[in-house]
């Protein structure tokens, strides 16, 4: 699942909010506002996709296993998923949300922007 990924993005957002805000209360409000949109996207996707992955229905399982792999072979779909997982969709951290070291990795930038 996305639990660890979301936790890392939460930690990054919270650290940034604490660094930028004058009080803990304002940092918590800024953090919540910052994470709200990205978390909502992930929740909506989970609501749509979980039935396909946790179904006992053999027909649905066969359809999923037949149809989804070709979709995720499409470059646009791979980029979209990579950007979502990296927190670049719906995440408002800063003008440069990706750590500098990661942004320089050729494989990472290829996934996200090509």
Protein backbone atom coordinates (compact mmCIF):
# COMPACT_ATOMS: atom_id res chain seq x y z
CA UNK A 1 0.00 0.00 0.00
CA UNK A 2 0.83 3.65 0.18
CA UNK A 3 1.07 3.93 3.97
CA UNK A 4 4.83 4.37 4.22
CA UNK A 5 4.92 6.70 1.23
CA UNK A 6 2.19 8.90 2.71
CA UNK A 7 3.98 8.91 6.08
CA UNK A 8 7.20 10.16 4.47
CA UNK A 9 5.34 12.90 2.61
CA UNK A 10 3.54 13.81 5.85
CA UNK A 11 6.86 14.07 7.70
CA UNK A 12 8.30 16.31 4.98
CA UNK A 13 5.25 18.56 5.01
CA UNK A 14 5.13 18.75 8.82
CA UNK A 15 8.83 19.57 9.08
CA UNK A 16 8.41 22.36 6.53
CA UNK A 17 5.35 23.75 8.30
CA UNK A 18 7.11 23.76 11.69
CA UNK A 19 10.12 25.49 10.13
CA UNK A 20 8.00 28.19 8.46
CA UNK A 21 5.37 28.90 11.13
CA UNK A 22 5.72 30.88 14.34
CA UNK A 23 3.72 28.53 16.58
CA UNK A 24 2.96 24.84 16.76
CA UNK A 25 -0.76 25.52 16.32
CA UNK A 26 -0.21 27.50 13.12
CA UNK A 27 2.24 24.85 11.90
CA UNK A 28 -0.39 22.15 12.42
CA UNK A 29 -2.99 24.18 10.53
CA UNK A 30 -0.56 24.85 7.67
CA UNK A 31 0.44 21.17 7.55
CA UNK A 32 -3.22 20.04 7.44
CA UNK A 33 -4.04 22.51 4.67
CA UNK A 34 -0.94 21.46 2.74
CA UNK A 35 -1.67 17.72 2.88
CA UNK A 36 -5.46 17.84 2.45
CA UNK A 37 -5.58 17.81 -1.35
CA UNK A 38 -3.00 15.04 -1.92
CA UNK A 39 -4.54 12.81 0.76
CA UNK A 40 -8.00 13.34 -0.76
CA UNK A 41 -6.71 12.20 -4.16
CA UNK A 42 -5.14 9.06 -2.67
CA UNK A 43 -8.33 8.33 -0.71
CA UNK A 44 -10.50 8.67 -3.82
CA UNK A 45 -8.19 6.41 -5.81
CA UNK A 46 -8.20 3.83 -3.02
CA UNK A 47 -11.99 3.90 -2.87
CA UNK A 48 -12.16 3.19 -6.61
CA UNK A 49 -9.31 0.64 -6.83
CA UNK A 50 -9.66 -1.39 -3.62
CA UNK A 51 -12.73 -3.29 -4.84
CA UNK A 52 -10.70 -4.47 -7.86
CA UNK A 53 -7.82 -5.68 -5.71
CA UNK A 54 -9.77 -7.16 -2.81
CA UNK A 55 -12.52 -8.99 -4.60
CA UNK A 56 -13.29 -12.71 -4.34
CA UNK A 57 -15.01 -12.53 -7.75
CA UNK A 58 -12.97 -14.58 -10.22
CA UNK A 59 -14.32 -12.74 -13.25
CA UNK A 60 -13.34 -9.37 -11.77
CA UNK A 61 -9.89 -10.75 -10.88
CA UNK A 62 -9.38 -12.04 -14.43
CA UNK A 63 -10.54 -8.74 -15.93
CA UNK A 64 -8.25 -6.77 -13.64
CA UNK A 65 -5.26 -8.97 -14.40
CA UNK A 66 -5.94 -8.76 -18.11
CA UNK A 67 -6.73 -5.05 -18.44
CA UNK A 68 -4.60 -3.18 -15.91
CA UNK A 69 -1.08 -4.33 -16.88
CA UNK A 70 -1.33 -2.95 -20.45
CA UNK A 71 -2.66 0.36 -19.09
CA UNK A 72 0.33 0.73 -16.76
CA UNK A 73 2.69 0.01 -19.65
CA UNK A 74 1.60 3.28 -21.25
CA UNK A 75 4.22 5.99 -20.59
CA UNK A 76 1.57 8.55 -19.62
CA UNK A 77 0.05 6.19 -17.02
CA UNK A 78 3.48 5.36 -15.58
CA UNK A 79 4.32 9.08 -15.32
CA UNK A 80 1.00 9.85 -13.68
CA UNK A 81 1.44 7.10 -11.07
CA UNK A 82 5.07 8.11 -10.43
CA UNK A 83 4.08 11.76 -9.96
CA UNK A 84 1.25 10.80 -7.59
CA UNK A 85 3.46 8.52 -5.50
CA UNK A 86 6.22 11.16 -5.39
CA UNK A 87 3.70 13.65 -4.05
CA UNK A 88 3.90 15.93 -7.05
CA UNK A 89 0.16 15.78 -7.67
CA UNK A 90 -1.89 17.49 -5.02
CA UNK A 91 1.03 18.15 -2.69
CA UNK A 92 1.85 21.76 -1.96
CA UNK A 93 5.23 21.73 -0.23
CA UNK A 94 7.35 24.36 -1.88
CA UNK A 95 8.47 25.36 -5.36
CA UNK A 96 10.93 22.42 -5.19
CA UNK A 97 9.16 19.54 -3.37
CA UNK A 98 11.75 16.92 -4.38
CA UNK A 99 15.00 16.79 -2.40
CA UNK A 100 17.90 18.12 -4.48
CA UNK A 101 19.79 14.80 -4.43
CA UNK A 102 16.76 12.89 -5.71
CA UNK A 103 16.01 15.47 -8.40
CA UNK A 104 19.45 14.84 -9.89
CA UNK A 105 18.85 11.10 -10.31
CA UNK A 106 18.38 10.47 -14.01
CA UNK A 107 15.96 7.53 -13.53
CA UNK A 108 13.76 9.60 -11.21
CA UNK A 109 13.49 12.63 -13.48
CA UNK A 110 12.87 10.34 -16.46
CA UNK A 111 9.86 8.82 -14.68
CA UNK A 112 8.40 12.15 -13.71
CA UNK A 113 8.95 14.49 -16.61
CA UNK A 114 9.54 12.57 -19.81
